[in-house]
Amino acid sequence: MPEWPEMEHVRRLLMERIGGRRIIGVEIARPQAVNADPDAFERGTVGAVVWYVERRGKHLLFHLDNGKRLLLHLAAGGSLFVGADDEKPERPAQITIRFSEGNLYFLGLRFGYLHLLSVREANERLQELGPDPMDRRLDAKAFAARFAGKRGMLKPALTDQTAVAGIGNCYADEMLHKAGIRPDVPVPLVDAEGWRRLHGAMRSVLEEAAANGGCMGTPLYRGDTQTGRAAALLQVYDREGEPCPKCGGVIVKTELSGRKTFFCPACQTGA
């Protein structure tokens, strides 16, 4: 599932390609992916200009100049493509938004959605999300405070979107590895120094991954060679049995709260 780096990377590219463009048509092949009757959805979008694309955690929020918002959650298997009909991947598009130059295709939205909302409705839908990892107000002390009172293991706590928004399974493993902290350590055992290291690891890992196109391998447009490059930078995620790049130990795979988890027992030794 796309996380902070993937959605931030996509947001930046979308701003370059559809920012300021007027929607001239909408096609909905999967009505379950929207929250309104297709005709009503079309009336609420066609003719509007996409003047800004915002990211909230793992969501994208398209700001339309008619006062409406389009809230996108790709979920597992979802992807986007910008281009012409003869350029898009062979996968069927569940939703197509047409512009005078190129279109935006929403692919694989079996579990994801694109909802048409008012500003108030959008804010209500997203109000339970925690702060953004890059929020300037979220320093190491404020970051640690987001997990105060939690009693479970650290990795599941990090992926709780109400604590900090945008961190998922993959990058939680990468952050913990960079910080030298085990994923299964109880949250109360992490001291101030551990939170400081983890806070720094969070920002550096997420920013580096976003700058390298995230780990999603699906190009956003024809000729896109940047999307997915961050997969080569992963240190532990999906690298079971490989040597740890930091210490040479063997990376192991386990399961925490039903999610596969990768870490190095040799250099991730505690809190």
C-alpha atoms as a PDB file:
ATOM      1  CA  MET A   1       0.000   0.000   0.000  1.00  0.00           C
ATOM      2  CA  PRO A   2       1.360   3.475  -0.842  1.00  0.00           C
ATOM      3  CA  GLU A   3       2.771   5.371   2.131  1.00  0.00           C
ATOM      4  CA  TRP A   4       4.026   8.931   2.721  1.00  0.00           C
ATOM      5  CA  PRO A   5       6.882   8.837   0.174  1.00  0.00           C
ATOM      6  CA  GLU A   6       4.784   7.356  -2.629  1.00  0.00           C
ATOM      7  CA  MET A   7       1.907   9.770  -2.151  1.00  0.00           C
ATOM      8  CA  GLU A   8       4.196  12.789  -1.766  1.00  0.00           C
ATOM      9  CA  HIS A   9       6.068  11.830  -4.925  1.00  0.00           C
ATOM     10  CA  VAL A  10       2.805  11.401  -6.830  1.00  0.00           C
ATOM     11  CA  ARG A  11       1.483  14.694  -5.440  1.00  0.00           C
ATOM     12  CA  ARG A  12       4.499  16.585  -6.750  1.00  0.00           C
ATOM     13  CA  LEU A  13       4.228  15.058 -10.214  1.00  0.00           C
ATOM     14  CA  LEU A  14       0.481  15.640 -10.387  1.00  0.00           C
ATOM     15  CA  MET A  15       0.951  19.312  -9.570  1.00  0.00           C
ATOM     16  CA  GLU A  16       3.284  19.561 -12.560  1.00  0.00           C
ATOM     17  CA  ARG A  17       0.926  17.752 -14.926  1.00  0.00           C
ATOM     18  CA  ILE A  18      -2.639  18.622 -13.957  1.00  0.00           C
ATOM     19  CA  GLY A  19      -2.313  21.617 -11.650  1.00  0.00           C
ATOM     20  CA  GLY A  20      -4.283  24.527 -13.107  1.00  0.00           C
ATOM     21  CA  ARG A  21      -6.065  22.380 -15.708  1.00  0.00           C
ATOM     22  CA  ARG A  22      -9.803  22.250 -16.243  1.00  0.00           C
ATOM     23  CA  ILE A  23     -11.734  18.976 -16.092  1.00  0.00           C
ATOM     24  CA  ILE A  24     -13.634  18.445 -19.346  1.00  0.00           C
ATOM     25  CA  GLY A  25     -15.018  14.974 -18.703  1.00  0.00           C
ATOM     26  CA  VAL A  26     -15.344  12.148 -16.203  1.00  0.00           C
ATOM     27  CA  GLU A  27     -15.886   8.449 -16.856  1.00  0.00           C
ATOM     28  CA  ILE A  28     -16.741   6.055 -14.035  1.00  0.00           C
ATOM     29  CA  ALA A  29     -16.428   2.360 -14.830  1.00  0.00           C
ATOM     30  CA  ARG A  30     -16.666   1.278 -11.183  1.00  0.00           C
ATOM     31  CA  PRO A  31     -19.432   3.180  -9.367  1.00  0.00           C
ATOM     32  CA  GLN A  32     -18.394   1.565  -6.063  1.00  0.00           C
ATOM     33  CA  ALA A  33     -15.195   3.633  -6.172  1.00  0.00           C
ATOM     34  CA  VAL A  34     -17.095   6.921  -5.819  1.00  0.00           C
ATOM     35  CA  ASN A  35     -19.491   8.147  -3.155  1.00  0.00           C
ATOM     36  CA  ALA A  36     -22.174   9.655  -5.386  1.00  0.00           C
ATOM     37  CA  ASP A  37     -24.342   8.789  -8.333  1.00  0.00           C
ATOM     38  CA  PRO A  38     -22.051   8.960 -11.410  1.00  0.00           C
ATOM     39  CA  ASP A  39     -24.146  11.750 -12.924  1.00  0.00           C
ATOM     40  CA  ALA A  40     -23.951  13.781  -9.710  1.00  0.00           C
ATOM     41  CA  PHE A  41     -20.218  13.104  -9.501  1.00  0.00           C
ATOM     42  CA  GLU A  42     -19.810  14.386 -13.062  1.00  0.00           C
ATOM     43  CA  ARG A  43     -21.845  17.511 -12.362  1.00  0.00           C
ATOM     44  CA  GLY A  44     -19.686  18.263  -9.343  1.00  0.00           C
ATOM     45  CA  THR A  45     -16.390  17.971 -11.208  1.00  0.00           C
ATOM     46  CA  VAL A  46     -16.703  18.739 -14.926  1.00  0.00           C
ATOM     47  CA  GLY A  47     -15.831  22.357 -15.644  1.00  0.00           C
ATOM     48  CA  ALA A  48     -13.812  22.773 -12.445  1.00  0.00           C
ATOM     49  CA  VAL A  49     -10.102  23.537 -12.370  1.00  0.00           C
ATOM     50  CA  VAL A  50      -7.705  21.461 -10.280  1.00  0.00           C
ATOM     51  CA  TRP A  51      -5.847  24.299  -8.605  1.00  0.00           C
ATOM     52  CA  TYR A  52      -3.977  22.354  -5.939  1.00  0.00           C
ATOM     53  CA  VAL A  53      -3.154  18.759  -4.938  1.00  0.00           C
ATOM     54  CA  GLU A  54      -2.612  18.248  -1.218  1.00  0.00           C
ATOM     55  CA  ARG A  55      -1.374  15.173   0.611  1.00  0.00           C
ATOM     56  CA  ARG A  56      -2.796  14.170   3.994  1.00  0.00           C
ATOM     57  CA  GLY A  57      -1.001  11.091   5.273  1.00  0.00           C
ATOM     58  CA  LYS A  58      -1.677   8.366   2.704  1.00  0.00           C
ATOM     59  CA  HIS A  59      -4.473  10.381   1.053  1.00  0.00           C
ATOM     60  CA  LEU A  60      -4.451  12.899  -1.773  1.00  0.00           C
ATOM     61  CA  LEU A  61      -6.888  15.789  -1.708  1.00  0.00           C
ATOM     62  CA  PHE A  62      -7.609  17.500  -5.029  1.00  0.00           C
ATOM     63  CA  HIS A  63      -8.751  21.092  -4.458  1.00  0.00           C
ATOM     64  CA  LEU A  64     -11.203  22.198  -7.155  1.00  0.00           C
ATOM     65  CA  ASP A  65     -11.935  25.844  -7.864  1.00  0.00           C
ATOM     66  CA  ASN A  66     -15.685  25.262  -7.418  1.00  0.00           C
ATOM     67  CA  GLY A  67     -15.176  24.683  -3.694  1.00  0.00           C
ATOM     68  CA  LYS A  68     -15.292  20.889  -3.915  1.00  0.00           C
ATOM     69  CA  ARG A  69     -12.623  18.389  -2.936  1.00  0.00           C
ATOM     70  CA  LEU A  70     -11.753  14.979  -4.375  1.00  0.00           C
ATOM     71  CA  LEU A  71     -10.414  12.657  -1.681  1.00  0.00           C
ATOM     72  CA  LEU A  72      -8.286   9.792  -2.999  1.00  0.00           C
ATOM     73  CA  HIS A  73      -7.133   6.713  -1.135  1.00  0.00           C
ATOM     74  CA  LEU A  74      -5.393   4.209  -3.395  1.00  0.00           C
ATOM     75  CA  ALA A  75      -5.279   1.346  -0.846  1.00  0.00           C
ATOM     76  CA  ALA A  76      -3.681  -1.932  -1.914  1.00  0.00           C
ATOM     77  CA  GLY A  77      -3.274  -2.341  -5.669  1.00  0.00           C
ATOM     78  CA  GLY A  78      -4.290   1.174  -6.667  1.00  0.00           C
ATOM     79  CA  SER A  79      -2.234   3.411  -8.957  1.00  0.00           C
ATOM     80  CA  LEU A  80      -2.477   6.489 -11.164  1.00  0.00           C
ATOM     81  CA  PHE A  81      -1.424   7.293 -14.705  1.00  0.00           C
ATOM     82  CA  VAL A  82      -1.368  10.591 -16.571  1.00  0.00           C
ATOM     83  CA  GLY A  83      -1.415  10.597 -20.353  1.00  0.00           C
ATOM     84  CA  ALA A  84      -3.424   9.790 -23.456  1.00  0.00           C
ATOM     85  CA  ASP A  85      -5.612   6.747 -24.075  1.00  0.00           C
ATOM     86  CA  ASP A  86      -2.952   5.112 -26.248  1.00  0.00           C
ATOM     87  CA  GLU A  87      -0.309   5.586 -23.531  1.00  0.00           C
ATOM     88  CA  LYS A  88      -2.003   4.202 -20.444  1.00  0.00           C
ATOM     89  CA  PRO A  89      -1.250   0.695 -19.143  1.00  0.00           C
ATOM     90  CA  GLU A  90      -3.377  -2.239 -20.279  1.00  0.00           C
ATOM     91  CA  ARG A  91      -5.128  -2.344 -16.901  1.00  0.00           C
ATOM     92  CA  PRO A  92      -8.726  -1.080 -17.012  1.00  0.00           C
ATOM     93  CA  ALA A  93      -9.348   2.320 -15.455  1.00  0.00           C
ATOM     94  CA  GLN A  94     -12.061   2.426 -12.793  1.00  0.00           C
ATOM     95  CA  ILE A  95     -12.233   6.235 -13.112  1.00  0.00           C
ATOM     96  CA  THR A  96     -10.947   8.552 -15.833  1.00  0.00           C
ATOM     97  CA  ILE A  97     -10.752  12.322 -15.450  1.00  0.00           C
ATOM     98  CA  ARG A  98     -10.267  14.020 -18.814  1.00  0.00           C
ATOM     99  CA  PHE A  99      -8.439  17.261 -19.512  1.00  0.00           C
ATOM    100  CA  SER A 100      -7.897  19.024 -22.825  1.00  0.00           C
ATOM    101  CA  GLU A 101      -4.318  17.730 -22.818  1.00  0.00           C
ATOM    102  CA  GLY A 102      -4.027  14.246 -21.349  1.00  0.00           C
ATOM    103  CA  ASN A 103      -6.126  12.399 -18.804  1.00  0.00           C
ATOM    104  CA  LEU A 104      -5.800  11.131 -15.251  1.00  0.00           C
ATOM    105  CA  TYR A 105      -6.530   7.421 -14.937  1.00  0.00           C
ATOM    106  CA  PHE A 106      -7.309   5.725 -11.627  1.00  0.00           C
ATOM    107  CA  LEU A 107      -6.295   2.079 -11.890  1.00  0.00           C
ATOM    108  CA  GLY A 108      -6.801  -0.886  -9.588  1.00  0.00           C
ATOM    109  CA  LEU A 109      -9.309   0.841  -7.289  1.00  0.00           C
ATOM    110  CA  ARG A 110     -10.736  -2.413  -5.967  1.00  0.00           C
ATOM    111  CA  PHE A 111     -10.271  -1.297  -2.358  1.00  0.00           C
ATOM    112  CA  GLY A 112      -9.484   2.377  -2.906  1.00  0.00           C
ATOM    113  CA  TYR A 113     -11.832   5.242  -3.649  1.00  0.00           C
ATOM    114  CA  LEU A 114     -12.239   8.761  -5.039  1.00  0.00           C
ATOM    115  CA  HIS A 115     -14.892  10.705  -3.127  1.00  0.00           C
ATOM    116  CA  LEU A 116     -16.421  14.064  -4.020  1.00  0.00           C
ATOM    117  CA  LEU A 117     -16.760  16.141  -0.844  1.00  0.00           C
ATOM    118  CA  SER A 118     -17.343  19.643   0.401  1.00  0.00           C
ATOM    119  CA  VAL A 119     -14.515  21.348   2.284  1.00  0.00           C
ATOM    120  CA  ARG A 120     -16.277  20.629   5.567  1.00  0.00           C
ATOM    121  CA  GLU A 121     -16.879  16.968   4.680  1.00  0.00           C
ATOM    122  CA  ALA A 122     -13.246  16.517   3.681  1.00  0.00           C
ATOM    123  CA  ASN A 123     -12.013  18.031   6.932  1.00  0.00           C
ATOM    124  CA  GLU A 124     -14.361  15.812   8.926  1.00  0.00           C
ATOM    125  CA  ARG A 125     -13.164  12.696   7.109  1.00  0.00           C
ATOM    126  CA  LEU A 126      -9.524  13.508   7.828  1.00  0.00           C
ATOM    127  CA  GLN A 127      -9.811  15.011  11.308  1.00  0.00           C
ATOM    128  CA  GLU A 128      -8.695  11.845  13.102  1.00  0.00           C
ATOM    129  CA  LEU A 129      -5.373  11.725  11.252  1.00  0.00           C
ATOM    130  CA  GLY A 130      -2.315  12.523  13.304  1.00  0.00           C
ATOM    131  CA  PRO A 131       0.147  15.251  12.300  1.00  0.00           C
ATOM    132  CA  ASP A 132       2.274  14.999   9.185  1.00  0.00           C
ATOM    133  CA  PRO A 133       5.765  13.548   9.783  1.00  0.00           C
ATOM    134  CA  MET A 134       7.290  16.743   8.372  1.00  0.00           C
ATOM    135  CA  ASP A 135       5.154  19.143  10.396  1.00  0.00           C
ATOM    136  CA  ARG A 136       7.575  21.732  11.802  1.00  0.00           C
ATOM    137  CA  ARG A 137       5.770  21.593  15.119  1.00  0.00           C
ATOM    138  CA  LEU A 138       6.458  17.862  15.390  1.00  0.00           C
ATOM    139  CA  ASP A 139       9.906  17.952  16.933  1.00  0.00           C
ATOM    140  CA  ALA A 140      11.370  14.939  18.751  1.00  0.00           C
ATOM    141  CA  LYS A 141       9.635  15.828  22.008  1.00  0.00           C
ATOM    142  CA  ALA A 142       6.235  16.310  20.353  1.00  0.00           C
ATOM    143  CA  PHE A 143       6.794  13.123  18.366  1.00  0.00           C
ATOM    144  CA  ALA A 144       7.370  11.102  21.546  1.00  0.00           C
ATOM    145  CA  ALA A 145       4.301  12.675  23.117  1.00  0.00           C
ATOM    146  CA  ARG A 146       2.111  11.258  20.325  1.00  0.00           C
ATOM    147  CA  PHE A 147       2.801   7.772  21.745  1.00  0.00           C
ATOM    148  CA  ALA A 148       2.469   8.583  25.440  1.00  0.00           C
ATOM    149  CA  GLY A 149       0.265   6.072  27.231  1.00  0.00           C
ATOM    150  CA  LYS A 150       0.532   3.388  24.536  1.00  0.00           C
ATOM    151  CA  ARG A 151       1.382  -0.069  25.874  1.00  0.00           C
ATOM    152  CA  GLY A 152       1.818  -2.231  22.796  1.00  0.00           C
ATOM    153  CA  MET A 153       4.824  -2.895  20.570  1.00  0.00           C
ATOM    154  CA  LEU A 154       6.533  -0.006  18.834  1.00  0.00           C
ATOM    155  CA  LYS A 155       6.066  -0.890  15.175  1.00  0.00           C
ATOM    156  CA  PRO A 156       2.252  -1.237  15.310  1.00  0.00           C
ATOM    157  CA  ALA A 157       2.160   2.063  17.190  1.00  0.00           C
ATOM    158  CA  LEU A 158       4.158   3.776  14.452  1.00  0.00           C
ATOM    159  CA  THR A 159       1.689   2.648  11.794  1.00  0.00           C
ATOM    160  CA  ASP A 160      -1.306   4.012  13.729  1.00  0.00           C
ATOM    161  CA  GLN A 161      -2.516   6.846  11.495  1.00  0.00           C
ATOM    162  CA  THR A 162      -4.033   8.715  14.432  1.00  0.00           C
ATOM    163  CA  ALA A 163      -0.565   9.053  15.995  1.00  0.00           C
ATOM    164  CA  VAL A 164       1.387  10.247  12.954  1.00  0.00           C
ATOM    165  CA  ALA A 165      -0.129  10.105   9.467  1.00  0.00           C
ATOM    166  CA  GLY A 166       1.547   8.436   6.509  1.00  0.00           C
ATOM    167  CA  ILE A 167       3.802   5.755   8.006  1.00  0.00           C
ATOM    168  CA  GLY A 168       3.008   2.202   6.936  1.00  0.00           C
ATOM    169  CA  ASN A 169       4.504  -1.258   7.075  1.00  0.00           C
ATOM    170  CA  CYS A 170       7.519  -0.740   4.827  1.00  0.00           C
ATOM    171  CA  TYR A 171       8.861   2.545   6.124  1.00  0.00           C
ATOM    172  CA  ALA A 172       8.243   1.693   9.765  1.00  0.00           C
ATOM    173  CA  ASP A 173      10.754  -1.139   9.301  1.00  0.00           C
ATOM    174  CA  GLU A 174      13.211   1.192   7.565  1.00  0.00           C
ATOM    175  CA  MET A 175      12.923   3.867  10.267  1.00  0.00           C
ATOM    176  CA  LEU A 176      13.425   1.385  13.078  1.00  0.00           C
ATOM    177  CA  HIS A 177      16.459  -0.095  11.376  1.00  0.00           C
ATOM    178  CA  LYS A 178      18.061   3.314  10.881  1.00  0.00           C
ATOM    179  CA  ALA A 179      17.373   4.174  14.526  1.00  0.00           C
ATOM    180  CA  GLY A 180      18.734   0.814  15.758  1.00  0.00           C
ATOM    181  CA  ILE A 181      15.511  -0.102  17.576  1.00  0.00           C
ATOM    182  CA  ARG A 182      13.735  -3.448  17.546  1.00  0.00           C
ATOM    183  CA  PRO A 183      10.201  -3.374  16.101  1.00  0.00           C
ATOM    184  CA  ASP A 184       8.809  -5.462  18.954  1.00  0.00           C
ATOM    185  CA  VAL A 185      10.076  -3.317  21.821  1.00  0.00           C
ATOM    186  CA  PRO A 186       7.242  -2.128  24.105  1.00  0.00           C
ATOM    187  CA  VAL A 187       6.491   1.552  23.564  1.00  0.00           C
ATOM    188  CA  PRO A 188       7.033   2.511  27.258  1.00  0.00           C
ATOM    189  CA  LEU A 189      10.632   1.228  27.092  1.00  0.00           C
ATOM    190  CA  VAL A 190      11.700   3.754  24.456  1.00  0.00           C
ATOM    191  CA  ASP A 191      13.607   6.538  26.191  1.00  0.00           C
ATOM    192  CA  ALA A 192      14.090  10.155  25.114  1.00  0.00           C
ATOM    193  CA  GLU A 193      17.233   9.314  23.167  1.00  0.00           C
ATOM    194  CA  GLY A 194      15.429   6.504  21.352  1.00  0.00           C
ATOM    195  CA  TRP A 195      12.613   8.846  20.356  1.00  0.00           C
ATOM    196  CA  ARG A 196      15.158  11.407  19.170  1.00  0.00           C
ATOM    197  CA  ARG A 197      16.873   8.838  16.945  1.00  0.00           C
ATOM    198  CA  LEU A 198      13.567   7.541  15.651  1.00  0.00           C
ATOM    199  CA  HIS A 199      12.299  11.042  14.903  1.00  0.00           C
ATOM    200  CA  GLY A 200      15.424  11.802  12.873  1.00  0.00           C
ATOM    201  CA  ALA A 201      15.215   8.445  11.112  1.00  0.00           C
ATOM    202  CA  MET A 202      11.575   9.046  10.229  1.00  0.00           C
ATOM    203  CA  ARG A 203      12.314  12.323   8.489  1.00  0.00           C
ATOM    204  CA  SER A 204      15.444  11.207   6.655  1.00  0.00           C
ATOM    205  CA  VAL A 205      13.981   7.879   5.508  1.00  0.00           C
ATOM    206  CA  LEU A 206      10.714   9.361   4.256  1.00  0.00           C
ATOM    207  CA  GLU A 207      12.297  12.347   2.519  1.00  0.00           C
ATOM    208  CA  GLU A 208      14.948  10.230   0.800  1.00  0.00           C
ATOM    209  CA  ALA A 209      12.330   7.753  -0.398  1.00  0.00           C
ATOM    210  CA  ALA A 210      10.079  10.525  -1.739  1.00  0.00           C
ATOM    211  CA  ALA A 211      13.012  12.168  -3.530  1.00  0.00           C
ATOM    212  CA  ASN A 212      13.685   8.836  -5.227  1.00  0.00           C
ATOM    213  CA  GLY A 213      10.123   8.194  -6.363  1.00  0.00           C
ATOM    214  CA  GLY A 214       8.958   5.918  -3.565  1.00  0.00           C
ATOM    215  CA  CYS A 215       8.794   2.138  -3.904  1.00  0.00           C
ATOM    216  CA  MET A 216       5.772   1.815  -6.184  1.00  0.00           C
ATOM    217  CA  GLY A 217       7.019   0.483  -9.511  1.00  0.00           C
ATOM    218  CA  THR A 218       4.187   1.764 -11.734  1.00  0.00           C
ATOM    219  CA  PRO A 219       5.238   4.772 -13.875  1.00  0.00           C
ATOM    220  CA  LEU A 220       2.978   7.797 -13.540  1.00  0.00           C
ATOM    221  CA  TYR A 221       3.440   8.840 -17.165  1.00  0.00           C
ATOM    222  CA  ARG A 222       5.163   7.644 -20.318  1.00  0.00           C
ATOM    223  CA  GLY A 223       8.906   8.032 -19.911  1.00  0.00           C
ATOM    224  CA  ASP A 224       8.731   8.176 -16.110  1.00  0.00           C
ATOM    225  CA  THR A 225      12.042   6.765 -14.886  1.00  0.00           C
ATOM    226  CA  GLN A 226      11.903   8.122 -11.340  1.00  0.00           C
ATOM    227  CA  THR A 227       8.873   6.388  -9.822  1.00  0.00           C
ATOM    228  CA  GLY A 228       9.854   3.297  -7.862  1.00  0.00           C
ATOM    229  CA  ARG A 229      13.589   4.031  -7.594  1.00  0.00           C
ATOM    230  CA  ALA A 230      13.464   4.039  -3.780  1.00  0.00           C
ATOM    231  CA  ALA A 231      12.926   0.263  -3.778  1.00  0.00           C
ATOM    232  CA  ALA A 232      16.662  -0.129  -4.406  1.00  0.00           C
ATOM    233  CA  LEU A 233      17.392   1.908  -1.270  1.00  0.00           C
ATOM    234  CA  LEU A 234      15.494  -0.309   1.167  1.00  0.00           C
ATOM    235  CA  GLN A 235      17.787  -1.614   3.872  1.00  0.00           C
ATOM    236  CA  VAL A 236      15.688  -4.348   5.522  1.00  0.00           C
ATOM    237  CA  TYR A 237      12.145  -4.461   4.128  1.00  0.00           C
ATOM    238  CA  ASP A 238      11.597  -7.580   1.993  1.00  0.00           C
ATOM    239  CA  ARG A 239      15.280  -8.512   2.408  1.00  0.00           C
ATOM    240  CA  GLU A 240      14.962 -11.648   4.556  1.00  0.00           C
ATOM    241  CA  GLY A 241      18.199 -13.641   4.695  1.00  0.00           C
ATOM    242  CA  GLU A 242      20.307 -10.867   3.197  1.00  0.00           C
ATOM    243  CA  PRO A 243      23.219  -9.250   5.043  1.00  0.00           C
ATOM    244  CA  CYS A 244      22.440  -6.079   6.961  1.00  0.00           C
ATOM    245  CA  PRO A 245      23.998  -3.084   5.162  1.00  0.00           C
ATOM    246  CA  LYS A 246      24.940  -1.557   8.534  1.00  0.00           C
ATOM    247  CA  CYS A 247      26.551  -4.427  10.396  1.00  0.00           C
ATOM    248  CA  GLY A 248      26.582  -7.505   8.172  1.00  0.00           C
ATOM    249  CA  GLY A 249      24.146  -9.437  10.346  1.00  0.00           C
ATOM    250  CA  VAL A 250      21.373 -11.490   8.780  1.00  0.00           C
ATOM    251  CA  ILE A 251      18.016  -9.786   8.234  1.00  0.00           C
ATOM    252  CA  VAL A 252      15.099 -11.801   9.584  1.00  0.00           C
ATOM    253  CA  LYS A 253      11.387 -11.781   8.879  1.00  0.00           C
ATOM    254  CA  THR A 254       8.732 -12.061  11.549  1.00  0.00           C
ATOM    255  CA  GLU A 255       5.105 -11.033  12.002  1.00  0.00           C
ATOM    256  CA  LEU A 256       3.752  -8.333  14.304  1.00  0.00           C
ATOM    257  CA  SER A 257       0.044  -7.604  14.589  1.00  0.00           C
ATOM    258  CA  GLY A 258      -0.584  -9.598  11.430  1.00  0.00           C
ATOM    259  CA  ARG A 259       1.973  -7.716   9.319  1.00  0.00           C
ATOM    260  CA  LYS A 260       5.260  -8.993   7.951  1.00  0.00           C
ATOM    261  CA  THR A 261       8.191  -7.284   9.628  1.00  0.00           C
ATOM    262  CA  PHE A 262      11.889  -7.215   8.743  1.00  0.00           C
ATOM    263  CA  PHE A 263      14.773  -6.254  11.012  1.00  0.00           C
ATOM    264  CA  CYS A 264      18.375  -7.012  11.904  1.00  0.00           C
ATOM    265  CA  PRO A 265      18.704  -8.638  15.368  1.00  0.00           C
ATOM    266  CA  ALA A 266      22.434  -7.827  15.406  1.00  0.00           C
ATOM    267  CA  CYS A 267      22.183  -4.029  15.278  1.00  0.00           C
ATOM    268  CA  GLN A 268      18.560  -3.458  16.306  1.00  0.00           C
ATOM    269  CA  THR A 269      19.176  -4.468  19.873  1.00  0.00           C
ATOM    270  CA  GLY A 270      16.613  -2.636  21.978  1.00  0.00           C
ATOM    271  CA  ALA A 271      15.029   0.728  22.627  1.00  0.00           C
END
